Every structure is written in structure tokens, then in C-alpha cells.
Amino acid sequence: MSQTAPTTIDRPLPGTRPGLAGLGAVHLAVTDRERALVFWRDVLGLELLDPDAHELRMGAGGTELVVLHPGAAAPVAARRTGLYHLALHVQTDLEFARVLGRLFAYRWPNAPTDHTFTKTTYLDDPDGNGIEIALETPERVGRLDYSDRDYAVIDAQGIRRSGRDPLDLDEVFAHLPEHPDLRAPMPAGTTVGHVHVHVTDLDAAMRFYRDGLGLDENMFARGIGMADTTVDGWLPHLIAFNVWHGRDAQAPPPGTAGLRHFTVGLPSAADRDAAVERLRGLGVAAEETPLGVRVADPSGNAMVLTVRDGRRA
């Protein structure tokens, strides 16, 4: 175990500031309702917000984060476009350690990874929907260093890191009390911090998210086949996309588990309407729905555009 006592770090809350675009609930198709509920509630730690609804509205502190739609005919299809992962960002070292401890207690396969700018772990739900649990650690970062050929993080001590190092689990679990309650659910303040999708063309995707949706280009690393977007530099990885399933990847078969849509909240109705007009100018179809305006990126990844309530989408 770590020999140094953990310190309390005063970090900004995850997610984007009021007045900026942000993410709301992610809607996923799943095959089996009860199996999905056991995983998302008991293993992951979200709460069921509406026990009487057929769909599973999962959240933290009363805020809806993920909506699961049972009835898919098959699990997530491999090597397709669609969701790579949705990222649930927690606020503190304690909460990150609690989630990771619960995953280990359930022996749920996951991949703890040190990105330097976040501590994180990756896992799939029972249907293959990708999930990241992330704790933002900006105090450990000096700067990002990337080109068309390479990607690295220069940490606060000036050391060049890959951003894909194994996570120091002793340090993580040092933040747990002697007798931790691993059953405690994720608390208020947990957010959908970013969404990462598979696409077939980085340039076409960037035009959609930057020129159409109005986000800011952040990283564009052709060498690793990935790019991402930010909002006013606040969260550098708000919506990310990669071509790791190939530039000829097909859309998922109808009826399979996976991404239905994610929610993008714009600061005002005027901002939303302006985004819709820009997207239409790029040839993107926009459909009014009860949840908001539904659009899809050039690879078919769907999102619903809404107006934020002043805190999050």
C-alpha cells in the first residue's frame, strides 16, 4: 500500500460551466431489463430514478445520466460505428476509489488506466456498451504534446508520459477509509463528462462537431486516428471520435444494443436554433422530437439538441 497519506485536492467540478454547451443523458439500447438494472445499479452504482417506467432512468443525486431501453435483439455488434464509451465523471478521489473498489469486489472486468489528466477505468456493461469512469486530475498536467504521428502528456514535473500508463491502484485505494461502504451509490455531482464515438472519417466528423454543432476543435491526431472537441477550453475532451473500427465500418444492425442517442445541451434556444441552421447548411437532417432536435453525425451517431437549465444539459 502507499506509504504517504492521501491529500485532499481542490479540483473544479466535472462537466462544463453554466452558459456553455454540455452533455445530458445518454440513451442506450439493452437486451435484458433486469440484467441491465443489476449492473447499472448494483455494480456501477447509479440509482433508478423511476421504478415504474419500462425504460431504466439511471442517475446520481436525482439527476438523470443514462436511460436504458430494454428489448434489443442482440448485444452490441463488433467493429461498427456507434458508441466507444460514455464517461461518467466523479468528483473526488474517494468516490473514484469507491467505484473502482466495487468493480473489483464484483470481479467485474475493467481496465484501470492513468491518462495523467484523468485517472480512469474502462469497462463494458453486459451488452457491450462501453463505459469510462473518470476522475479529472488537472493538477498533474503540464501540457499535451501531440502531432499527426504521436500523442503524449507532459506532466506537472515535466516528464513525458504516454497517457496510457497503468493506474497506481495502491494510491487510488489509499483514499478509502478503513471500512469503506462500497455499496454507496454515486453521489450528486456525478456527470456525463464526455462521450466518445466510432466514426469513419475524422475530417467529416470534425466539420460536423466544430462547424455545425459549434464546438471548439481541440486535439486532431491523425497518427492515432482520433480527434476531440472542447467548449471554450473548459473540458478538453467533451465529444471525441476515432476511426479505430476502420474507415469502412458499417452502422450497427437494426435492433442491436448500443447507442440510441446522447444529449447535447446548448446554452439557449437561440444557440440551439443557430446550431440546427449551421447543421442544415452542411446537409444534415434535423428532426423535431419530444426530447429535442435529433441530428446525426456523418457516421450516423445520433444526438438530441436541447437547452441547458443553467447547470447541465
C-alpha atoms as a PDB file:
ATOM      1  CA  MET A   1       0.000   0.000   0.000  1.00  0.00           C
ATOM      2  CA  SER A   2       1.033   3.603  -0.470  1.00  0.00           C
ATOM      3  CA  GLN A   3       3.264   4.881   2.340  1.00  0.00           C
ATOM      4  CA  THR A   4       2.134   8.506   2.073  1.00  0.00           C
ATOM      5  CA  ALA A   5      -1.185   9.752   3.345  1.00  0.00           C
ATOM      6  CA  PRO A   6      -3.552  10.849   0.557  1.00  0.00           C
ATOM      7  CA  THR A   7      -4.031  14.563   0.166  1.00  0.00           C
ATOM      8  CA  THR A   8      -7.252  16.403  -0.496  1.00  0.00           C
ATOM      9  CA  ILE A   9      -7.146  18.253  -3.816  1.00  0.00           C
ATOM     10  CA  ASP A  10      -9.438  21.178  -4.526  1.00  0.00           C
ATOM     11  CA  ARG A  11     -10.450  20.423  -8.110  1.00  0.00           C
ATOM     12  CA  PRO A  12     -13.063  22.006 -10.366  1.00  0.00           C
ATOM     13  CA  LEU A  13     -16.295  20.074 -10.624  1.00  0.00           C
ATOM     14  CA  PRO A  14     -16.513  17.822 -13.687  1.00  0.00           C
ATOM     15  CA  GLY A  15     -18.585  18.944 -16.609  1.00  0.00           C
ATOM     16  CA  THR A  16     -18.913  22.339 -18.226  1.00  0.00           C
ATOM     17  CA  ARG A  17     -19.668  25.677 -16.639  1.00  0.00           C
ATOM     18  CA  PRO A  18     -23.089  27.357 -16.821  1.00  0.00           C
ATOM     19  CA  GLY A  19     -23.522  29.300 -20.030  1.00  0.00           C
ATOM     20  CA  LEU A  20     -21.583  26.759 -22.109  1.00  0.00           C
ATOM     21  CA  ALA A  21     -22.663  23.701 -24.060  1.00  0.00           C
ATOM     22  CA  GLY A  22     -22.672  20.446 -22.077  1.00  0.00           C
ATOM     23  CA  LEU A  23     -23.837  16.855 -22.139  1.00  0.00           C
ATOM     24  CA  GLY A  24     -27.014  15.376 -20.742  1.00  0.00           C
ATOM     25  CA  ALA A  25     -28.386  11.850 -20.603  1.00  0.00           C
ATOM     26  CA  VAL A  26     -27.073   9.105 -22.879  1.00  0.00           C
ATOM     27  CA  HIS A  27     -29.725   6.720 -24.209  1.00  0.00           C
ATOM     28  CA  LEU A  28     -28.672   3.111 -24.768  1.00  0.00           C
ATOM     29  CA  ALA A  29     -30.446   0.003 -26.030  1.00  0.00           C
ATOM     30  CA  VAL A  30     -30.002  -3.136 -23.899  1.00  0.00           C
ATOM     31  CA  THR A  31     -31.288  -6.674 -24.272  1.00  0.00           C
ATOM     32  CA  ASP A  32     -32.492  -7.648 -20.786  1.00  0.00           C
ATOM     33  CA  ARG A  33     -34.060  -5.168 -18.340  1.00  0.00           C
ATOM     34  CA  GLU A  34     -33.296  -6.961 -15.086  1.00  0.00           C
ATOM     35  CA  ARG A  35     -29.740  -7.859 -16.006  1.00  0.00           C
ATOM     36  CA  ALA A  36     -29.082  -4.259 -17.042  1.00  0.00           C
ATOM     37  CA  LEU A  37     -30.592  -2.960 -13.798  1.00  0.00           C
ATOM     38  CA  VAL A  38     -28.376  -5.189 -11.660  1.00  0.00           C
ATOM     39  CA  PHE A  39     -25.283  -3.967 -13.438  1.00  0.00           C
ATOM     40  CA  TRP A  40     -26.003  -0.235 -13.670  1.00  0.00           C
ATOM     41  CA  ARG A  41     -27.416  -0.013 -10.120  1.00  0.00           C
ATOM     42  CA  ASP A  42     -25.546  -2.588  -8.054  1.00  0.00           C
ATOM     43  CA  VAL A  43     -22.209  -2.905  -9.853  1.00  0.00           C
ATOM     44  CA  LEU A  44     -21.777   0.600 -11.228  1.00  0.00           C
ATOM     45  CA  GLY A  45     -23.639   2.499  -8.503  1.00  0.00           C
ATOM     46  CA  LEU A  46     -26.275   4.606 -10.270  1.00  0.00           C
ATOM     47  CA  GLU A  47     -29.757   4.964  -8.793  1.00  0.00           C
ATOM     48  CA  LEU A  48     -33.020   4.016 -10.509  1.00  0.00           C
ATOM     49  CA  LEU A  49     -34.968   7.258 -10.757  1.00  0.00           C
ATOM     50  CA  ASP A  50     -38.363   5.906 -11.884  1.00  0.00           C
ATOM     51  CA  PRO A  51     -39.097   2.305 -10.813  1.00  0.00           C
ATOM     52  CA  ASP A  52     -42.463   2.328 -12.616  1.00  0.00           C
ATOM     53  CA  ALA A  53     -41.125   3.156 -16.077  1.00  0.00           C
ATOM     54  CA  HIS A  54     -40.274   0.406 -18.562  1.00  0.00           C
ATOM     55  CA  GLU A  55     -37.066   2.136 -19.554  1.00  0.00           C
ATOM     56  CA  LEU A  56     -34.420   2.374 -16.851  1.00  0.00           C
ATOM     57  CA  ARG A  57     -33.728   6.019 -15.979  1.00  0.00           C
ATOM     58  CA  MET A  58     -30.429   5.831 -14.114  1.00  0.00           C
ATOM     59  CA  GLY A  59     -28.804   8.774 -12.371  1.00  0.00           C
ATOM     60  CA  ALA A  60     -26.980  10.214  -9.394  1.00  0.00           C
ATOM     61  CA  GLY A  61     -28.317  12.657  -6.829  1.00  0.00           C
ATOM     62  CA  GLY A  62     -31.632  12.747  -8.683  1.00  0.00           C
ATOM     63  CA  THR A  63     -30.060  13.815 -11.999  1.00  0.00           C
ATOM     64  CA  GLU A  64     -30.682  11.571 -14.992  1.00  0.00           C
ATOM     65  CA  LEU A  65     -27.441  10.394 -16.603  1.00  0.00           C
ATOM     66  CA  VAL A  66     -28.211   7.228 -18.574  1.00  0.00           C
ATOM     67  CA  VAL A  67     -31.511   5.928 -19.972  1.00  0.00           C
ATOM     68  CA  LEU A  68     -31.585   2.222 -20.821  1.00  0.00           C
ATOM     69  CA  HIS A  69     -34.143   0.938 -23.337  1.00  0.00           C
ATOM     70  CA  PRO A  70     -34.724  -2.829 -22.948  1.00  0.00           C
ATOM     71  CA  GLY A  71     -35.709  -5.110 -25.797  1.00  0.00           C
ATOM     72  CA  ALA A  72     -32.682  -5.143 -28.104  1.00  0.00           C
ATOM     73  CA  ALA A  73     -32.482  -8.365 -30.083  1.00  0.00           C
ATOM     74  CA  ALA A  74     -28.724  -8.840 -29.654  1.00  0.00           C
ATOM     75  CA  PRO A  75     -25.729  -7.320 -27.859  1.00  0.00           C
ATOM     76  CA  VAL A  76     -23.550  -4.583 -29.337  1.00  0.00           C
ATOM     77  CA  ALA A  77     -22.231  -5.606 -32.755  1.00  0.00           C
ATOM     78  CA  ALA A  78     -18.456  -5.636 -33.103  1.00  0.00           C
ATOM     79  CA  ARG A  79     -16.417  -3.361 -35.387  1.00  0.00           C
ATOM     80  CA  ARG A  80     -19.221  -0.933 -36.191  1.00  0.00           C
ATOM     81  CA  THR A  81     -19.762   2.787 -35.841  1.00  0.00           C
ATOM     82  CA  GLY A  82     -21.533   3.897 -32.688  1.00  0.00           C
ATOM     83  CA  LEU A  83     -20.546   4.322 -29.066  1.00  0.00           C
ATOM     84  CA  TYR A  84     -16.965   3.729 -27.967  1.00  0.00           C
ATOM     85  CA  HIS A  85     -17.834   4.788 -24.439  1.00  0.00           C
ATOM     86  CA  LEU A  86     -19.777   7.225 -22.333  1.00  0.00           C
ATOM     87  CA  ALA A  87     -17.768   8.677 -19.475  1.00  0.00           C
ATOM     88  CA  LEU A  88     -19.161   9.151 -16.001  1.00  0.00           C
ATOM     89  CA  HIS A  89     -17.000  11.722 -14.214  1.00  0.00           C
ATOM     90  CA  VAL A  90     -16.880  11.585 -10.428  1.00  0.00           C
ATOM     91  CA  GLN A  91     -15.801  14.478  -8.219  1.00  0.00           C
ATOM     92  CA  THR A  92     -13.363  13.138  -5.641  1.00  0.00           C
ATOM     93  CA  ASP A  93     -10.587  10.614  -5.072  1.00  0.00           C
ATOM     94  CA  LEU A  94     -12.838   8.916  -2.520  1.00  0.00           C
ATOM     95  CA  GLU A  95     -15.693   8.423  -4.969  1.00  0.00           C
ATOM     96  CA  PHE A  96     -13.352   7.160  -7.691  1.00  0.00           C
ATOM     97  CA  ALA A  97     -11.813   4.681  -5.252  1.00  0.00           C
ATOM     98  CA  ARG A  98     -15.269   3.556  -4.126  1.00  0.00           C
ATOM     99  CA  VAL A  99     -16.424   2.820  -7.686  1.00  0.00           C
ATOM    100  CA  LEU A 100     -13.217   1.019  -8.530  1.00  0.00           C
ATOM    101  CA  GLY A 101     -13.384  -0.956  -5.288  1.00  0.00           C
ATOM    102  CA  ARG A 102     -16.953  -2.009  -6.028  1.00  0.00           C
ATOM    103  CA  LEU A 103     -15.957  -3.202  -9.517  1.00  0.00           C
ATOM    104  CA  PHE A 104     -13.157  -5.279  -8.021  1.00  0.00           C
ATOM    105  CA  ALA A 105     -15.478  -6.633  -5.320  1.00  0.00           C
ATOM    106  CA  TYR A 106     -17.891  -7.799  -8.030  1.00  0.00           C
ATOM    107  CA  ARG A 107     -14.933  -9.115 -10.061  1.00  0.00           C
ATOM    108  CA  TRP A 108     -16.219  -7.085 -12.999  1.00  0.00           C
ATOM    109  CA  PRO A 109     -13.576  -6.876 -15.752  1.00  0.00           C
ATOM    110  CA  ASN A 110     -12.177  -3.351 -16.085  1.00  0.00           C
ATOM    111  CA  ALA A 111      -9.000  -1.644 -17.238  1.00  0.00           C
ATOM    112  CA  PRO A 112      -7.609   0.960 -14.796  1.00  0.00           C
ATOM    113  CA  THR A 113      -5.585   3.492 -16.801  1.00  0.00           C
ATOM    114  CA  ASP A 114      -3.628   6.629 -15.939  1.00  0.00           C
ATOM    115  CA  HIS A 115      -4.132   9.328 -18.563  1.00  0.00           C
ATOM    116  CA  THR A 116      -2.363  11.881 -16.297  1.00  0.00           C
ATOM    117  CA  PHE A 117      -5.141  14.395 -16.949  1.00  0.00           C
ATOM    118  CA  THR A 118      -7.560  11.813 -15.558  1.00  0.00           C
ATOM    119  CA  LYS A 119      -7.492   8.665 -13.501  1.00  0.00           C
ATOM    120  CA  THR A 120      -9.865   6.283 -15.191  1.00  0.00           C
ATOM    121  CA  THR A 121     -11.060   2.772 -15.764  1.00  0.00           C
ATOM    122  CA  TYR A 122     -12.788   1.231 -18.767  1.00  0.00           C
ATOM    123  CA  LEU A 123     -15.418  -1.489 -18.808  1.00  0.00           C
ATOM    124  CA  ASP A 124     -18.468  -2.763 -20.684  1.00  0.00           C
ATOM    125  CA  ASP A 125     -21.993  -3.383 -19.478  1.00  0.00           C
ATOM    126  CA  PRO A 126     -23.476  -6.888 -20.029  1.00  0.00           C
ATOM    127  CA  ASP A 127     -24.443  -5.965 -23.602  1.00  0.00           C
ATOM    128  CA  GLY A 128     -21.092  -4.497 -24.591  1.00  0.00           C
ATOM    129  CA  ASN A 129     -21.934  -0.814 -24.141  1.00  0.00           C
ATOM    130  CA  GLY A 130     -18.636   0.914 -23.375  1.00  0.00           C
ATOM    131  CA  ILE A 131     -18.206   2.913 -20.158  1.00  0.00           C
ATOM    132  CA  GLU A 132     -15.423   5.005 -18.682  1.00  0.00           C
ATOM    133  CA  ILE A 133     -15.299   6.102 -15.052  1.00  0.00           C
ATOM    134  CA  ALA A 134     -13.086   9.183 -14.812  1.00  0.00           C
ATOM    135  CA  LEU A 135     -11.670  11.482 -12.167  1.00  0.00           C
ATOM    136  CA  GLU A 136     -10.224  14.691 -13.592  1.00  0.00           C
ATOM    137  CA  THR A 137      -6.748  15.499 -12.227  1.00  0.00           C
ATOM    138  CA  PRO A 138      -5.655  18.722 -13.977  1.00  0.00           C
ATOM    139  CA  GLU A 139      -3.123  19.445 -11.238  1.00  0.00           C
ATOM    140  CA  ARG A 140      -0.964  16.605 -12.605  1.00  0.00           C
ATOM    141  CA  VAL A 141      -0.746  18.025 -16.154  1.00  0.00           C
ATOM    142  CA  GLY A 142       1.778  20.425 -17.624  1.00  0.00           C
ATOM    143  CA  ARG A 143       0.653  20.315 -21.242  1.00  0.00           C
ATOM    144  CA  LEU A 144      -0.454  17.961 -24.001  1.00  0.00           C
ATOM    145  CA  ASP A 145       2.023  17.175 -26.767  1.00  0.00           C
ATOM    146  CA  TYR A 146       0.675  15.633 -29.942  1.00  0.00           C
ATOM    147  CA  SER A 147       1.200  15.629 -33.683  1.00  0.00           C
ATOM    148  CA  ASP A 148      -0.095  13.709 -36.671  1.00  0.00           C
ATOM    149  CA  ARG A 149       2.215  10.865 -35.626  1.00  0.00           C
ATOM    150  CA  ASP A 150       2.293  10.829 -31.846  1.00  0.00           C
ATOM    151  CA  TYR A 151       0.479  11.710 -28.632  1.00  0.00           C
ATOM    152  CA  ALA A 152       1.849  12.317 -25.155  1.00  0.00           C
ATOM    153  CA  VAL A 153       1.202  14.188 -21.927  1.00  0.00           C
ATOM    154  CA  ILE A 154       3.882  16.298 -20.277  1.00  0.00           C
ATOM    155  CA  ASP A 155       3.119  16.042 -16.577  1.00  0.00           C
ATOM    156  CA  ALA A 156       3.461  18.770 -13.949  1.00  0.00           C
ATOM    157  CA  GLN A 157       7.072  17.675 -13.287  1.00  0.00           C
ATOM    158  CA  GLY A 158       7.961  17.933 -16.973  1.00  0.00           C
ATOM    159  CA  ILE A 159       8.042  14.176 -17.542  1.00  0.00           C
ATOM    160  CA  ARG A 160       6.743  12.931 -20.889  1.00  0.00           C
ATOM    161  CA  ARG A 161       4.060  10.276 -20.405  1.00  0.00           C
ATOM    162  CA  SER A 162       2.117   8.181 -22.874  1.00  0.00           C
ATOM    163  CA  GLY A 163      -1.236   8.914 -21.279  1.00  0.00           C
ATOM    164  CA  ARG A 164      -1.851   5.172 -21.237  1.00  0.00           C
ATOM    165  CA  ASP A 165       0.108   4.131 -18.143  1.00  0.00           C
ATOM    166  CA  PRO A 166      -1.236   1.556 -15.665  1.00  0.00           C
ATOM    167  CA  LEU A 167      -3.036   3.185 -12.765  1.00  0.00           C
ATOM    168  CA  ASP A 168      -1.376   3.089  -9.333  1.00  0.00           C
ATOM    169  CA  LEU A 169      -4.066   1.126  -7.506  1.00  0.00           C
ATOM    170  CA  ASP A 170      -2.328   1.413  -4.137  1.00  0.00           C
ATOM    171  CA  GLU A 171      -2.562   5.196  -4.412  1.00  0.00           C
ATOM    172  CA  VAL A 172      -6.203   5.014  -5.525  1.00  0.00           C
ATOM    173  CA  PHE A 173      -7.322   2.739  -2.697  1.00  0.00           C
ATOM    174  CA  ALA A 174      -5.391   4.737  -0.105  1.00  0.00           C
ATOM    175  CA  HIS A 175      -8.269   7.237  -0.324  1.00  0.00           C
ATOM    176  CA  LEU A 176     -10.746   4.705   1.091  1.00  0.00           C
ATOM    177  CA  PRO A 177     -11.447   4.635   4.835  1.00  0.00           C
ATOM    178  CA  GLU A 178     -10.556   1.531   6.813  1.00  0.00           C
ATOM    179  CA  HIS A 179     -14.067   0.083   6.475  1.00  0.00           C
ATOM    180  CA  PRO A 180     -15.462   1.597   3.267  1.00  0.00           C
ATOM    181  CA  ASP A 181     -19.105   1.284   2.281  1.00  0.00           C
ATOM    182  CA  LEU A 182     -18.664   0.075  -1.278  1.00  0.00           C
ATOM    183  CA  ARG A 183     -22.430  -0.082  -1.721  1.00  0.00           C
ATOM    184  CA  ALA A 184     -22.894   3.684  -1.501  1.00  0.00           C
ATOM    185  CA  PRO A 185     -24.253   4.973  -4.830  1.00  0.00           C
ATOM    186  CA  MET A 186     -22.563   7.588  -6.958  1.00  0.00           C
ATOM    187  CA  PRO A 187     -23.355  10.964  -5.384  1.00  0.00           C
ATOM    188  CA  ALA A 188     -24.838  14.187  -6.679  1.00  0.00           C
ATOM    189  CA  GLY A 189     -22.328  15.969  -8.894  1.00  0.00           C
ATOM    190  CA  THR A 190     -21.527  12.890 -10.967  1.00  0.00           C
ATOM    191  CA  THR A 191     -21.880  13.875 -14.629  1.00  0.00           C
ATOM    192  CA  VAL A 192     -21.683  12.561 -18.149  1.00  0.00           C
ATOM    193  CA  GLY A 193     -18.328  14.246 -18.638  1.00  0.00           C
ATOM    194  CA  HIS A 194     -17.709  13.165 -22.226  1.00  0.00           C
ATOM    195  CA  VAL A 195     -18.909  10.896 -24.996  1.00  0.00           C
ATOM    196  CA  HIS A 196     -16.565   9.087 -27.400  1.00  0.00           C
ATOM    197  CA  VAL A 197     -17.851   7.563 -30.648  1.00  0.00           C
ATOM    198  CA  HIS A 198     -16.563   5.500 -33.567  1.00  0.00           C
ATOM    199  CA  VAL A 199     -16.671   7.270 -36.942  1.00  0.00           C
ATOM    200  CA  THR A 200     -15.435   6.535 -40.450  1.00  0.00           C
ATOM    201  CA  ASP A 201     -13.838   9.899 -41.291  1.00  0.00           C
ATOM    202  CA  LEU A 202     -12.118  12.280 -38.849  1.00  0.00           C
ATOM    203  CA  ASP A 203     -12.383  15.301 -41.139  1.00  0.00           C
ATOM    204  CA  ALA A 204     -16.088  14.845 -41.800  1.00  0.00           C
ATOM    205  CA  ALA A 205     -16.738  14.318 -38.100  1.00  0.00           C
ATOM    206  CA  MET A 206     -14.772  17.441 -37.160  1.00  0.00           C
ATOM    207  CA  ARG A 207     -16.734  19.540 -39.662  1.00  0.00           C
ATOM    208  CA  PHE A 208     -19.944  18.296 -38.077  1.00  0.00           C
ATOM    209  CA  TYR A 209     -18.965  18.890 -34.442  1.00  0.00           C
ATOM    210  CA  ARG A 210     -16.926  22.067 -34.979  1.00  0.00           C
ATOM    211  CA  ASP A 211     -18.520  23.890 -37.919  1.00  0.00           C
ATOM    212  CA  GLY A 212     -22.041  22.566 -37.448  1.00  0.00           C
ATOM    213  CA  LEU A 213     -22.567  21.948 -33.757  1.00  0.00           C
ATOM    214  CA  GLY A 214     -20.274  24.826 -32.808  1.00  0.00           C
ATOM    215  CA  LEU A 215     -17.788  23.098 -30.502  1.00  0.00           C
ATOM    216  CA  ASP A 216     -14.101  24.020 -30.483  1.00  0.00           C
ATOM    217  CA  GLU A 217     -11.512  21.803 -32.122  1.00  0.00           C
ATOM    218  CA  ASN A 218      -9.045  20.505 -29.551  1.00  0.00           C
ATOM    219  CA  MET A 219      -6.909  17.506 -30.488  1.00  0.00           C
ATOM    220  CA  PHE A 220      -6.603  16.253 -34.076  1.00  0.00           C
ATOM    221  CA  ALA A 221      -4.144  13.358 -34.043  1.00  0.00           C
ATOM    222  CA  ARG A 222      -4.244  11.507 -37.348  1.00  0.00           C
ATOM    223  CA  GLY A 223      -1.376   9.297 -36.255  1.00  0.00           C
ATOM    224  CA  ILE A 224      -3.563   7.617 -33.657  1.00  0.00           C
ATOM    225  CA  GLY A 225      -6.798   8.029 -35.638  1.00  0.00           C
ATOM    226  CA  MET A 226      -8.528  10.209 -33.058  1.00  0.00           C
ATOM    227  CA  ALA A 227      -9.762  13.763 -32.552  1.00  0.00           C
ATOM    228  CA  ASP A 228     -11.821  15.591 -29.957  1.00  0.00           C
ATOM    229  CA  THR A 229     -13.649  18.830 -29.264  1.00  0.00           C
ATOM    230  CA  THR A 230     -13.953  21.185 -26.329  1.00  0.00           C
ATOM    231  CA  VAL A 231     -16.053  24.141 -25.203  1.00  0.00           C
ATOM    232  CA  ASP A 232     -14.081  27.308 -24.526  1.00  0.00           C
ATOM    233  CA  GLY A 233     -11.187  25.165 -23.333  1.00  0.00           C
ATOM    234  CA  TRP A 234     -13.083  24.124 -20.209  1.00  0.00           C
ATOM    235  CA  LEU A 235     -13.257  20.371 -20.730  1.00  0.00           C
ATOM    236  CA  PRO A 236     -10.831  19.336 -23.475  1.00  0.00           C
ATOM    237  CA  HIS A 237     -12.490  16.041 -24.280  1.00  0.00           C
ATOM    238  CA  LEU A 238     -16.231  16.802 -24.392  1.00  0.00           C
ATOM    239  CA  ILE A 239     -17.028  14.849 -27.575  1.00  0.00           C
ATOM    240  CA  ALA A 240     -14.319  12.616 -29.028  1.00  0.00           C
ATOM    241  CA  PHE A 241     -14.267  10.399 -32.094  1.00  0.00           C
ATOM    242  CA  ASN A 242     -11.940   7.838 -33.643  1.00  0.00           C
ATOM    243  CA  VAL A 243     -11.590   5.642 -36.742  1.00  0.00           C
ATOM    244  CA  TRP A 244     -10.368   2.581 -34.858  1.00  0.00           C
ATOM    245  CA  HIS A 245     -13.097   0.364 -36.334  1.00  0.00           C
ATOM    246  CA  GLY A 246     -11.962   1.280 -39.833  1.00  0.00           C
ATOM    247  CA  ARG A 247     -12.929   3.833 -42.417  1.00  0.00           C
ATOM    248  CA  ASP A 248     -15.312   1.298 -43.959  1.00  0.00           C
ATOM    249  CA  ALA A 249     -17.080   0.461 -40.682  1.00  0.00           C
ATOM    250  CA  GLN A 250     -20.805  -0.084 -41.115  1.00  0.00           C
ATOM    251  CA  ALA A 251     -23.658   1.106 -38.938  1.00  0.00           C
ATOM    252  CA  PRO A 252     -24.857  -1.334 -36.254  1.00  0.00           C
ATOM    253  CA  PRO A 253     -27.563  -3.769 -37.400  1.00  0.00           C
ATOM    254  CA  PRO A 254     -31.082  -2.579 -36.542  1.00  0.00           C
ATOM    255  CA  GLY A 255     -32.357  -3.850 -33.214  1.00  0.00           C
ATOM    256  CA  THR A 256     -28.984  -4.460 -31.588  1.00  0.00           C
ATOM    257  CA  ALA A 257     -27.834  -2.969 -28.297  1.00  0.00           C
ATOM    258  CA  GLY A 258     -25.832   0.239 -28.368  1.00  0.00           C
ATOM    259  CA  LEU A 259     -26.190   3.982 -28.667  1.00  0.00           C
ATOM    260  CA  ARG A 260     -29.643   5.367 -29.368  1.00  0.00           C
ATOM    261  CA  HIS A 261     -28.588   8.958 -28.885  1.00  0.00           C
ATOM    262  CA  PHE A 262     -26.770  11.250 -26.498  1.00  0.00           C
ATOM    263  CA  THR A 263     -27.938  14.657 -25.344  1.00  0.00           C
ATOM    264  CA  VAL A 264     -26.151  17.914 -26.129  1.00  0.00           C
ATOM    265  CA  GLY A 265     -27.446  20.918 -24.207  1.00  0.00           C
ATOM    266  CA  LEU A 266     -26.860  24.340 -25.764  1.00  0.00           C
ATOM    267  CA  PRO A 267     -26.832  27.470 -23.554  1.00  0.00           C
ATOM    268  CA  SER A 268     -30.048  28.959 -25.006  1.00  0.00           C
ATOM    269  CA  ALA A 269     -32.807  28.324 -27.526  1.00  0.00           C
ATOM    270  CA  ALA A 270     -31.082  30.811 -29.835  1.00  0.00           C
ATOM    271  CA  ASP A 271     -27.838  28.822 -29.611  1.00  0.00           C
ATOM    272  CA  ARG A 272     -29.685  25.582 -30.344  1.00  0.00           C
ATOM    273  CA  ASP A 273     -31.514  27.071 -33.317  1.00  0.00           C
ATOM    274  CA  ALA A 274     -28.289  28.534 -34.700  1.00  0.00           C
ATOM    275  CA  ALA A 275     -26.616  25.124 -34.418  1.00  0.00           C
ATOM    276  CA  VAL A 276     -29.526  23.495 -36.245  1.00  0.00           C
ATOM    277  CA  GLU A 277     -29.255  26.039 -39.063  1.00  0.00           C
ATOM    278  CA  ARG A 278     -25.499  25.516 -39.383  1.00  0.00           C
ATOM    279  CA  LEU A 279     -26.001  21.750 -39.483  1.00  0.00           C
ATOM    280  CA  ARG A 280     -28.703  22.060 -42.121  1.00  0.00           C
ATOM    281  CA  GLY A 281     -26.266  24.176 -44.108  1.00  0.00           C
ATOM    282  CA  LEU A 282     -23.922  21.173 -44.056  1.00  0.00           C
ATOM    283  CA  GLY A 283     -26.713  18.952 -45.363  1.00  0.00           C
ATOM    284  CA  VAL A 284     -27.607  17.397 -42.011  1.00  0.00           C
ATOM    285  CA  ALA A 285     -31.255  16.437 -41.497  1.00  0.00           C
ATOM    286  CA  ALA A 286     -32.823  17.740 -38.269  1.00  0.00           C
ATOM    287  CA  GLU A 287     -35.967  16.229 -36.746  1.00  0.00           C
ATOM    288  CA  GLU A 288     -38.097  17.785 -34.008  1.00  0.00           C
ATOM    289  CA  THR A 289     -38.846  15.216 -31.289  1.00  0.00           C
ATOM    290  CA  PRO A 290     -40.417  15.438 -27.818  1.00  0.00           C
ATOM    291  CA  LEU A 291     -36.912  15.323 -26.336  1.00  0.00           C
ATOM    292  CA  GLY A 292     -35.373  17.966 -28.614  1.00  0.00           C
ATOM    293  CA  VAL A 293     -33.951  18.287 -32.122  1.00  0.00           C
ATOM    294  CA  ARG A 294     -32.482  14.987 -33.309  1.00  0.00           C
ATOM    295  CA  VAL A 295     -29.482  15.059 -35.653  1.00  0.00           C
ATOM    296  CA  ALA A 296     -26.744  12.576 -36.539  1.00  0.00           C
ATOM    297  CA  ASP A 297     -23.088  12.957 -37.434  1.00  0.00           C
ATOM    298  CA  PRO A 298     -21.849  11.722 -40.844  1.00  0.00           C
ATOM    299  CA  SER A 299     -21.287   8.232 -39.418  1.00  0.00           C
ATOM    300  CA  GLY A 300     -24.827   8.010 -38.080  1.00  0.00           C
ATOM    301  CA  ASN A 301     -24.149   8.682 -34.392  1.00  0.00           C
ATOM    302  CA  ALA A 302     -27.354  10.358 -33.193  1.00  0.00           C
ATOM    303  CA  MET A 303     -27.736  13.135 -30.653  1.00  0.00           C
ATOM    304  CA  VAL A 304     -30.602  15.281 -29.403  1.00  0.00           C
ATOM    305  CA  LEU A 305     -30.029  19.019 -29.077  1.00  0.00           C
ATOM    306  CA  THR A 306     -31.688  20.630 -26.060  1.00  0.00           C
ATOM    307  CA  VAL A 307     -31.355  23.805 -23.998  1.00  0.00           C
ATOM    308  CA  ARG A 308     -29.419  23.648 -20.739  1.00  0.00           C
ATOM    309  CA  ASP A 309     -31.107  24.539 -17.455  1.00  0.00           C
ATOM    310  CA  GLY A 310     -28.194  26.668 -16.288  1.00  0.00           C
ATOM    311  CA  ARG A 311     -26.257  23.780 -14.712  1.00  0.00           C
ATOM    312  CA  ARG A 312     -26.096  20.907 -17.211  1.00  0.00           C
ATOM    313  CA  ALA A 313     -27.982  19.626 -20.198  1.00  0.00           C
END
